[in-house]
């Protein structure tokens, strides 16, 4: 299992578009994927789960991945967060 801390950098936070980007990207990998925020954990491959986080700009999240491609998945997801989902930061 690998854990990676990320910060939401885009102004609008995790609204529908970034949430769907996370789920689409995570679904390409075999690894199980969970996101933690403030002691709450959700399945990162569930659009409803990601939306319930209501993560605003500046929120810190912990990504947890477990599986054969966990490193590649963690790197790809961290890059998505670092890029601000292609939105204005």
PDB file of N, CA and C in Angstrom:
ATOM      1  N   UNK A   1       0.839  -1.186   0.000  1.00  0.00           N
ATOM      2  CA  UNK A   1       0.000   0.000   0.000  1.00  0.00           C
ATOM      3  C   UNK A   1       0.881   1.246   0.000  1.00  0.00           C
ATOM      4  N   UNK A   2       0.434   2.245  -0.730  1.00  0.00           N
ATOM      5  CA  UNK A   2       1.151   3.512  -0.800  1.00  0.00           C
ATOM      6  C   UNK A   2       0.188   4.638  -0.430  1.00  0.00           C
ATOM      7  N   UNK A   3       0.701   5.639   0.274  1.00  0.00           N
ATOM      8  CA  UNK A   3      -0.092   6.818   0.622  1.00  0.00           C
ATOM      9  C   UNK A   3       0.589   8.046   0.046  1.00  0.00           C
ATOM     10  N   UNK A   4      -0.223   8.985  -0.408  1.00  0.00           N
ATOM     11  CA  UNK A   4       0.315  10.218  -0.987  1.00  0.00           C
ATOM     12  C   UNK A   4      -0.577  11.367  -0.535  1.00  0.00           C
ATOM     13  N   UNK A   5       0.029  12.383   0.060  1.00  0.00           N
ATOM     14  CA  UNK A   5      -0.727  13.559   0.473  1.00  0.00           C
ATOM     15  C   UNK A   5      -0.772  14.559  -0.677  1.00  0.00           C
ATOM     16  N   UNK A   6      -1.963  15.079  -0.963  1.00  0.00           N
ATOM     17  CA  UNK A   6      -2.146  16.056  -2.032  1.00  0.00           C
ATOM     18  C   UNK A   6      -2.965  17.226  -1.496  1.00  0.00           C
ATOM     19  N   UNK A   7      -2.857  18.350  -2.201  1.00  0.00           N
ATOM     20  CA  UNK A   7      -3.626  19.537  -1.848  1.00  0.00           C
ATOM     21  C   UNK A   7      -4.465  19.948  -3.041  1.00  0.00           C
ATOM     22  N   UNK A   8      -5.706  20.331  -2.777  1.00  0.00           N
ATOM     23  CA  UNK A   8      -6.588  20.827  -3.827  1.00  0.00           C
ATOM     24  C   UNK A   8      -6.153  22.254  -4.136  1.00  0.00           C
ATOM     25  N   UNK A   9      -5.689  22.496  -5.364  1.00  0.00           N
ATOM     26  CA  UNK A   9      -5.130  23.807  -5.703  1.00  0.00           C
ATOM     27  C   UNK A   9      -6.029  24.666  -6.569  1.00  0.00           C
ATOM     28  N   UNK A  10      -6.999  24.049  -7.238  1.00  0.00           N
ATOM     29  CA  UNK A  10      -7.858  24.857  -8.109  1.00  0.00           C
ATOM     30  C   UNK A  10      -8.881  25.635  -7.273  1.00  0.00           C
ATOM     31  N   UNK A  11      -9.278  26.799  -7.759  1.00  0.00           N
ATOM     32  CA  UNK A  11     -10.161  27.709  -7.018  1.00  0.00           C
ATOM     33  C   UNK A  11     -11.494  27.106  -6.620  1.00  0.00           C
ATOM     34  N   UNK A  12     -12.097  26.332  -7.510  1.00  0.00           N
ATOM     35  CA  UNK A  12     -13.451  25.821  -7.267  1.00  0.00           C
ATOM     36  C   UNK A  12     -13.487  24.539  -6.428  1.00  0.00           C
ATOM     37  N   UNK A  13     -12.322  23.967  -6.111  1.00  0.00           N
ATOM     38  CA  UNK A  13     -12.288  22.738  -5.321  1.00  0.00           C
ATOM     39  C   UNK A  13     -12.756  21.531  -6.128  1.00  0.00           C
ATOM     40  N   UNK A  14     -13.147  20.483  -5.413  1.00  0.00           N
ATOM     41  CA  UNK A  14     -13.551  19.242  -6.084  1.00  0.00           C
ATOM     42  C   UNK A  14     -15.033  19.280  -6.439  1.00  0.00           C
ATOM     43  N   UNK A  15     -15.353  20.022  -7.473  1.00  0.00           N
ATOM     44  CA  UNK A  15     -16.720  20.026  -7.985  1.00  0.00           C
ATOM     45  C   UNK A  15     -16.857  18.871  -8.976  1.00  0.00           C
ATOM     46  N   UNK A  16     -17.927  18.845  -9.733  1.00  0.00           N
ATOM     47  CA  UNK A  16     -18.244  17.698 -10.589  1.00  0.00           C
ATOM     48  C   UNK A  16     -17.154  17.355 -11.591  1.00  0.00           C
ATOM     49  N   UNK A  17     -16.618  18.332 -12.297  1.00  0.00           N
ATOM     50  CA  UNK A  17     -15.625  18.058 -13.340  1.00  0.00           C
ATOM     51  C   UNK A  17     -14.353  17.434 -12.784  1.00  0.00           C
ATOM     52  N   UNK A  18     -13.704  18.040 -11.768  1.00  0.00           N
ATOM     53  CA  UNK A  18     -12.507  17.395 -11.222  1.00  0.00           C
ATOM     54  C   UNK A  18     -12.804  16.030 -10.592  1.00  0.00           C
ATOM     55  N   UNK A  19     -13.953  15.904  -9.958  1.00  0.00           N
ATOM     56  CA  UNK A  19     -14.311  14.614  -9.356  1.00  0.00           C
ATOM     57  C   UNK A  19     -14.395  13.539 -10.428  1.00  0.00           C
ATOM     58  N   UNK A  20     -15.012  13.873 -11.570  1.00  0.00           N
ATOM     59  CA  UNK A  20     -15.109  12.882 -12.643  1.00  0.00           C
ATOM     60  C   UNK A  20     -13.740  12.579 -13.241  1.00  0.00           C
ATOM     61  N   UNK A  21     -12.858  13.572 -13.293  1.00  0.00           N
ATOM     62  CA  UNK A  21     -11.501  13.340 -13.793  1.00  0.00           C
ATOM     63  C   UNK A  21     -10.750  12.361 -12.886  1.00  0.00           C
ATOM     64  N   UNK A  22     -10.915  12.523 -11.585  1.00  0.00           N
ATOM     65  CA  UNK A  22     -10.264  11.629 -10.616  1.00  0.00           C
ATOM     66  C   UNK A  22     -10.766  10.203 -10.810  1.00  0.00           C
ATOM     67  N   UNK A  23     -12.079  10.038 -10.882  1.00  0.00           N
ATOM     68  CA  UNK A  23     -12.668   8.702 -11.019  1.00  0.00           C
ATOM     69  C   UNK A  23     -12.263   8.055 -12.343  1.00  0.00           C
ATOM     70  N   UNK A  24     -12.306   8.823 -13.431  1.00  0.00           N
ATOM     71  CA  UNK A  24     -11.909   8.274 -14.736  1.00  0.00           C
ATOM     72  C   UNK A  24     -10.457   7.810 -14.723  1.00  0.00           C
ATOM     73  N   UNK A  25      -9.566   8.647 -14.174  1.00  0.00           N
ATOM     74  CA  UNK A  25      -8.153   8.280 -14.133  1.00  0.00           C
ATOM     75  C   UNK A  25      -7.930   7.078 -13.229  1.00  0.00           C
ATOM     76  N   UNK A  26      -8.514   7.082 -12.051  1.00  0.00           N
ATOM     77  CA  UNK A  26      -8.329   5.981 -11.101  1.00  0.00           C
ATOM     78  C   UNK A  26      -8.854   4.661 -11.661  1.00  0.00           C
ATOM     79  N   UNK A  27      -9.907   4.727 -12.457  1.00  0.00           N
ATOM     80  CA  UNK A  27     -10.512   3.512 -13.012  1.00  0.00           C
ATOM     81  C   UNK A  27      -9.618   2.831 -14.047  1.00  0.00           C
ATOM     82  N   UNK A  28      -8.617   3.534 -14.534  1.00  0.00           N
ATOM     83  CA  UNK A  28      -7.675   2.934 -15.494  1.00  0.00           C
ATOM     84  C   UNK A  28      -6.702   1.961 -14.817  1.00  0.00           C
ATOM     85  N   UNK A  29      -6.629   2.053 -13.490  1.00  0.00           N
ATOM     86  CA  UNK A  29      -5.682   1.237 -12.735  1.00  0.00           C
ATOM     87  C   UNK A  29      -6.407   0.131 -11.981  1.00  0.00           C
ATOM     88  N   UNK A  30      -5.686  -0.958 -11.741  1.00  0.00           N
ATOM     89  CA  UNK A  30      -6.258  -2.092 -11.014  1.00  0.00           C
ATOM     90  C   UNK A  30      -6.291  -1.866  -9.504  1.00  0.00           C
ATOM     91  N   UNK A  31      -5.409  -1.039  -9.007  1.00  0.00           N
ATOM     92  CA  UNK A  31      -5.286  -0.844  -7.567  1.00  0.00           C
ATOM     93  C   UNK A  31      -6.566  -0.308  -6.938  1.00  0.00           C
ATOM     94  N   UNK A  32      -6.792  -0.714  -5.695  1.00  0.00           N
ATOM     95  CA  UNK A  32      -7.874  -0.135  -4.919  1.00  0.00           C
ATOM     96  C   UNK A  32      -7.451   1.288  -4.574  1.00  0.00           C
ATOM     97  N   UNK A  33      -8.427   2.185  -4.482  1.00  0.00           N
ATOM     98  CA  UNK A  33      -8.112   3.597  -4.295  1.00  0.00           C
ATOM     99  C   UNK A  33      -9.099   4.229  -3.314  1.00  0.00           C
ATOM    100  N   UNK A  34      -8.554   4.793  -2.250  1.00  0.00           N
ATOM    101  CA  UNK A  34      -9.365   5.478  -1.249  1.00  0.00           C
ATOM    102  C   UNK A  34      -8.801   6.867  -1.007  1.00  0.00           C
ATOM    103  N   UNK A  35      -9.679   7.789  -0.662  1.00  0.00           N
ATOM    104  CA  UNK A  35      -9.277   9.160  -0.336  1.00  0.00           C
ATOM    105  C   UNK A  35      -9.770   9.456   1.077  1.00  0.00           C
ATOM    106  N   UNK A  36      -8.885  10.055   1.879  1.00  0.00           N
ATOM    107  CA  UNK A  36      -9.252  10.455   3.241  1.00  0.00           C
ATOM    108  C   UNK A  36      -9.196  11.972   3.371  1.00  0.00           C
ATOM    109  N   UNK A  37     -10.211  12.507   4.074  1.00  0.00           N
ATOM    110  CA  UNK A  37     -10.241  13.939   4.391  1.00  0.00           C
ATOM    111  C   UNK A  37     -10.893  14.087   5.755  1.00  0.00           C
ATOM    112  N   UNK A  38     -10.168  14.696   6.668  1.00  0.00           N
ATOM    113  CA  UNK A  38     -10.695  14.967   8.015  1.00  0.00           C
ATOM    114  C   UNK A  38     -11.277  13.717   8.679  1.00  0.00           C
ATOM    115  N   UNK A  39     -10.581  12.588   8.548  1.00  0.00           N
ATOM    116  CA  UNK A  39     -11.006  11.352   9.184  1.00  0.00           C
ATOM    117  C   UNK A  39     -12.104  10.599   8.447  1.00  0.00           C
ATOM    118  N   UNK A  40     -12.522  11.104   7.320  1.00  0.00           N
ATOM    119  CA  UNK A  40     -13.572  10.484   6.519  1.00  0.00           C
ATOM    120  C   UNK A  40     -12.917   9.832   5.312  1.00  0.00           C
ATOM    121  N   UNK A  41     -13.257   8.560   5.034  1.00  0.00           N
ATOM    122  CA  UNK A  41     -12.637   7.837   3.925  1.00  0.00           C
ATOM    123  C   UNK A  41     -13.695   7.413   2.906  1.00  0.00           C
ATOM    124  N   UNK A  42     -13.386   7.632   1.633  1.00  0.00           N
ATOM    125  CA  UNK A  42     -14.306   7.252   0.564  1.00  0.00           C
ATOM    126  C   UNK A  42     -13.565   6.431  -0.494  1.00  0.00           C
ATOM    127  N   UNK A  43     -14.322   5.725  -1.309  1.00  0.00           N
ATOM    128  CA  UNK A  43     -13.774   4.989  -2.441  1.00  0.00           C
ATOM    129  C   UNK A  43     -13.490   6.001  -3.547  1.00  0.00           C
ATOM    130  N   UNK A  44     -12.242   6.138  -3.946  1.00  0.00           N
ATOM    131  CA  UNK A  44     -11.846   7.112  -4.948  1.00  0.00           C
ATOM    132  C   UNK A  44     -12.280   6.777  -6.361  1.00  0.00           C
ATOM    133  N   UNK A  45     -12.878   5.608  -6.554  1.00  0.00           N
ATOM    134  CA  UNK A  45     -13.380   5.241  -7.872  1.00  0.00           C
ATOM    135  C   UNK A  45     -14.894   5.446  -7.954  1.00  0.00           C
ATOM    136  N   UNK A  46     -15.459   6.118  -6.960  1.00  0.00           N
ATOM    137  CA  UNK A  46     -16.891   6.395  -6.905  1.00  0.00           C
ATOM    138  C   UNK A  46     -17.118   7.901  -7.027  1.00  0.00           C
ATOM    139  N   UNK A  47     -17.820   8.324  -8.067  1.00  0.00           N
ATOM    140  CA  UNK A  47     -18.076   9.751  -8.266  1.00  0.00           C
ATOM    141  C   UNK A  47     -18.860  10.330  -7.092  1.00  0.00           C
ATOM    142  N   UNK A  48     -19.822   9.587  -6.582  1.00  0.00           N
ATOM    143  CA  UNK A  48     -20.603  10.059  -5.431  1.00  0.00           C
ATOM    144  C   UNK A  48     -19.692  10.208  -4.216  1.00  0.00           C
ATOM    145  N   UNK A  49     -18.813   9.243  -4.010  1.00  0.00           N
ATOM    146  CA  UNK A  49     -17.888   9.315  -2.885  1.00  0.00           C
ATOM    147  C   UNK A  49     -16.993  10.539  -2.959  1.00  0.00           C
ATOM    148  N   UNK A  50     -16.416  10.778  -4.129  1.00  0.00           N
ATOM    149  CA  UNK A  50     -15.516  11.923  -4.297  1.00  0.00           C
ATOM    150  C   UNK A  50     -16.276  13.232  -4.091  1.00  0.00           C
ATOM    151  N   UNK A  51     -17.493  13.314  -4.600  1.00  0.00           N
ATOM    152  CA  UNK A  51     -18.295  14.528  -4.446  1.00  0.00           C
ATOM    153  C   UNK A  51     -18.639  14.809  -2.975  1.00  0.00           C
ATOM    154  N   UNK A  52     -18.838  13.748  -2.178  1.00  0.00           N
ATOM    155  CA  UNK A  52     -19.209  13.943  -0.776  1.00  0.00           C
ATOM    156  C   UNK A  52     -18.074  14.536   0.054  1.00  0.00           C
ATOM    157  N   UNK A  53     -16.851  14.491  -0.466  1.00  0.00           N
ATOM    158  CA  UNK A  53     -15.735  15.080   0.274  1.00  0.00           C
ATOM    159  C   UNK A  53     -15.872  16.598   0.397  1.00  0.00           C
ATOM    160  N   UNK A  54     -16.509  17.231  -0.581  1.00  0.00           N
ATOM    161  CA  UNK A  54     -16.682  18.691  -0.592  1.00  0.00           C
ATOM    162  C   UNK A  54     -15.351  19.384  -0.285  1.00  0.00           C
ATOM    163  N   UNK A  55     -14.303  18.953  -0.962  1.00  0.00           N
ATOM    164  CA  UNK A  55     -12.961  19.480  -0.716  1.00  0.00           C
ATOM    165  C   UNK A  55     -12.779  20.818  -1.430  1.00  0.00           C
ATOM    166  N   UNK A  56     -12.535  21.850  -0.663  1.00  0.00           N
ATOM    167  CA  UNK A  56     -12.352  23.197  -1.182  1.00  0.00           C
ATOM    168  C   UNK A  56     -10.879  23.463  -1.497  1.00  0.00           C
ATOM    169  N   UNK A  57     -10.617  24.587  -2.153  1.00  0.00           N
ATOM    170  CA  UNK A  57      -9.234  24.959  -2.448  1.00  0.00           C
ATOM    171  C   UNK A  57      -8.449  25.022  -1.142  1.00  0.00           C
ATOM    172  N   UNK A  58      -7.277  24.407  -1.145  1.00  0.00           N
ATOM    173  CA  UNK A  58      -6.424  24.376   0.039  1.00  0.00           C
ATOM    174  C   UNK A  58      -6.613  23.146   0.907  1.00  0.00           C
ATOM    175  N   UNK A  59      -7.639  22.358   0.638  1.00  0.00           N
ATOM    176  CA  UNK A  59      -7.879  21.138   1.423  1.00  0.00           C
ATOM    177  C   UNK A  59      -6.763  20.128   1.180  1.00  0.00           C
ATOM    178  N   UNK A  60      -6.356  19.464   2.236  1.00  0.00           N
ATOM    179  CA  UNK A  60      -5.340  18.424   2.149  1.00  0.00           C
ATOM    180  C   UNK A  60      -6.028  17.067   2.200  1.00  0.00           C
ATOM    181  N   UNK A  61      -5.700  16.220   1.249  1.00  0.00           N
ATOM    182  CA  UNK A  61      -6.286  14.885   1.158  1.00  0.00           C
ATOM    183  C   UNK A  61      -5.177  13.842   1.193  1.00  0.00           C
ATOM    184  N   UNK A  62      -5.508  12.676   1.700  1.00  0.00           N
ATOM    185  CA  UNK A  62      -4.579  11.553   1.694  1.00  0.00           C
ATOM    186  C   UNK A  62      -5.093  10.512   0.705  1.00  0.00           C
ATOM    187  N   UNK A  63      -4.298  10.231  -0.305  1.00  0.00           N
ATOM    188  CA  UNK A  63      -4.632   9.204  -1.280  1.00  0.00           C
ATOM    189  C   UNK A  63      -4.013   7.895  -0.820  1.00  0.00           C
ATOM    190  N   UNK A  64      -4.788   6.830  -0.811  1.00  0.00           N
ATOM    191  CA  UNK A  64      -4.293   5.505  -0.449  1.00  0.00           C
ATOM    192  C   UNK A  64      -4.554   4.563  -1.610  1.00  0.00           C
ATOM    193  N   UNK A  65      -3.495   3.933  -2.071  1.00  0.00           N
ATOM    194  CA  UNK A  65      -3.614   2.995  -3.189  1.00  0.00           C
ATOM    195  C   UNK A  65      -2.987   1.671  -2.807  1.00  0.00           C
ATOM    196  N   UNK A  66      -3.626   0.597  -3.227  1.00  0.00           N
ATOM    197  CA  UNK A  66      -3.136  -0.727  -2.896  1.00  0.00           C
ATOM    198  C   UNK A  66      -3.361  -1.655  -4.084  1.00  0.00           C
ATOM    199  N   UNK A  67      -2.281  -2.136  -4.666  1.00  0.00           N
ATOM    200  CA  UNK A  67      -2.394  -3.061  -5.784  1.00  0.00           C
ATOM    201  C   UNK A  67      -1.131  -3.100  -6.611  1.00  0.00           C
ATOM    202  N   UNK A  68      -1.201  -3.845  -7.689  1.00  0.00           N
ATOM    203  CA  UNK A  68      -0.020  -4.095  -8.514  1.00  0.00           C
ATOM    204  C   UNK A  68       0.510  -2.833  -9.202  1.00  0.00           C
ATOM    205  N   UNK A  69      -0.363  -1.868  -9.459  1.00  0.00           N
ATOM    206  CA  UNK A  69       0.069  -0.645 -10.151  1.00  0.00           C
ATOM    207  C   UNK A  69      -0.085   0.601  -9.266  1.00  0.00           C
ATOM    208  N   UNK A  70       0.041   0.398  -7.962  1.00  0.00           N
ATOM    209  CA  UNK A  70      -0.191   1.483  -7.004  1.00  0.00           C
ATOM    210  C   UNK A  70       0.745   2.679  -7.192  1.00  0.00           C
ATOM    211  N   UNK A  71       1.998   2.436  -7.519  1.00  0.00           N
ATOM    212  CA  UNK A  71       2.951   3.545  -7.682  1.00  0.00           C
ATOM    213  C   UNK A  71       2.585   4.387  -8.893  1.00  0.00           C
ATOM    214  N   UNK A  72       2.306   3.731 -10.007  1.00  0.00           N
ATOM    215  CA  UNK A  72       1.927   4.453 -11.223  1.00  0.00           C
ATOM    216  C   UNK A  72       0.626   5.230 -11.007  1.00  0.00           C
ATOM    217  N   UNK A  73      -0.325   4.602 -10.328  1.00  0.00           N
ATOM    218  CA  UNK A  73      -1.608   5.256 -10.062  1.00  0.00           C
ATOM    219  C   UNK A  73      -1.416   6.461  -9.148  1.00  0.00           C
ATOM    220  N   UNK A  74      -0.620   6.315  -8.099  1.00  0.00           N
ATOM    221  CA  UNK A  74      -0.374   7.421  -7.172  1.00  0.00           C
ATOM    222  C   UNK A  74       0.300   8.586  -7.883  1.00  0.00           C
ATOM    223  N   UNK A  75       1.273   8.286  -8.736  1.00  0.00           N
ATOM    224  CA  UNK A  75       1.971   9.337  -9.483  1.00  0.00           C
ATOM    225  C   UNK A  75       1.011  10.083 -10.410  1.00  0.00           C
ATOM    226  N   UNK A  76       0.174   9.333 -11.131  1.00  0.00           N
ATOM    227  CA  UNK A  76      -0.759   9.949 -12.077  1.00  0.00           C
ATOM    228  C   UNK A  76      -1.791  10.807 -11.356  1.00  0.00           C
ATOM    229  N   UNK A  77      -2.320  10.316 -10.255  1.00  0.00           N
ATOM    230  CA  UNK A  77      -3.325  11.074  -9.505  1.00  0.00           C
ATOM    231  C   UNK A  77      -2.719  12.311  -8.848  1.00  0.00           C
ATOM    232  N   UNK A  78      -1.522  12.174  -8.297  1.00  0.00           N
ATOM    233  CA  UNK A  78      -0.855  13.329  -7.687  1.00  0.00           C
ATOM    234  C   UNK A  78      -0.607  14.410  -8.727  1.00  0.00           C
ATOM    235  N   UNK A  79      -0.218  14.018  -9.924  1.00  0.00           N
ATOM    236  CA  UNK A  79       0.015  14.980 -11.002  1.00  0.00           C
ATOM    237  C   UNK A  79      -1.279  15.709 -11.378  1.00  0.00           C
ATOM    238  N   UNK A  80      -2.384  14.988 -11.389  1.00  0.00           N
ATOM    239  CA  UNK A  80      -3.682  15.598 -11.679  1.00  0.00           C
ATOM    240  C   UNK A  80      -4.005  16.693 -10.654  1.00  0.00           C
ATOM    241  N   UNK A  81      -3.756  16.406  -9.374  1.00  0.00           N
ATOM    242  CA  UNK A  81      -3.979  17.405  -8.336  1.00  0.00           C
ATOM    243  C   UNK A  81      -3.018  18.576  -8.484  1.00  0.00           C
ATOM    244  N   UNK A  82      -1.734  18.282  -8.734  1.00  0.00           N
ATOM    245  CA  UNK A  82      -0.742  19.346  -8.887  1.00  0.00           C
ATOM    246  C   UNK A  82      -1.078  20.280 -10.040  1.00  0.00           C
ATOM    247  N   UNK A  83      -1.658  19.735 -11.091  1.00  0.00           N
ATOM    248  CA  UNK A  83      -2.034  20.510 -12.268  1.00  0.00           C
ATOM    249  C   UNK A  83      -3.310  21.327 -12.029  1.00  0.00           C
ATOM    250  N   UNK A  84      -3.962  21.116 -10.888  1.00  0.00           N
ATOM    251  CA  UNK A  84      -5.184  21.842 -10.596  1.00  0.00           C
ATOM    252  C   UNK A  84      -6.333  21.432 -11.505  1.00  0.00           C
ATOM    253  N   UNK A  85      -6.281  20.214 -12.034  1.00  0.00           N
ATOM    254  CA  UNK A  85      -7.314  19.682 -12.922  1.00  0.00           C
ATOM    255  C   UNK A  85      -7.467  20.530 -14.183  1.00  0.00           C
ATOM    256  N   UNK A  86      -6.395  21.234 -14.549  1.00  0.00           N
ATOM    257  CA  UNK A  86      -6.424  22.061 -15.742  1.00  0.00           C
ATOM    258  C   UNK A  86      -7.221  23.344 -15.564  1.00  0.00           C
ATOM    259  N   UNK A  87      -7.558  23.680 -14.308  1.00  0.00           N
ATOM    260  CA  UNK A  87      -8.335  24.879 -14.026  1.00  0.00           C
ATOM    261  C   UNK A  87      -7.431  25.976 -13.470  1.00  0.00           C
ATOM    262  N   UNK A  88      -8.001  27.160 -13.346  1.00  0.00           N
ATOM    263  CA  UNK A  88      -7.268  28.305 -12.799  1.00  0.00           C
ATOM    264  C   UNK A  88      -7.019  28.062 -11.314  1.00  0.00           C
ATOM    265  N   UNK A  89      -5.792  28.350 -10.913  1.00  0.00           N
ATOM    266  CA  UNK A  89      -5.417  28.170  -9.497  1.00  0.00           C
ATOM    267  C   UNK A  89      -5.567  29.465  -8.739  1.00  0.00           C
TER     268      UNK A  89
END
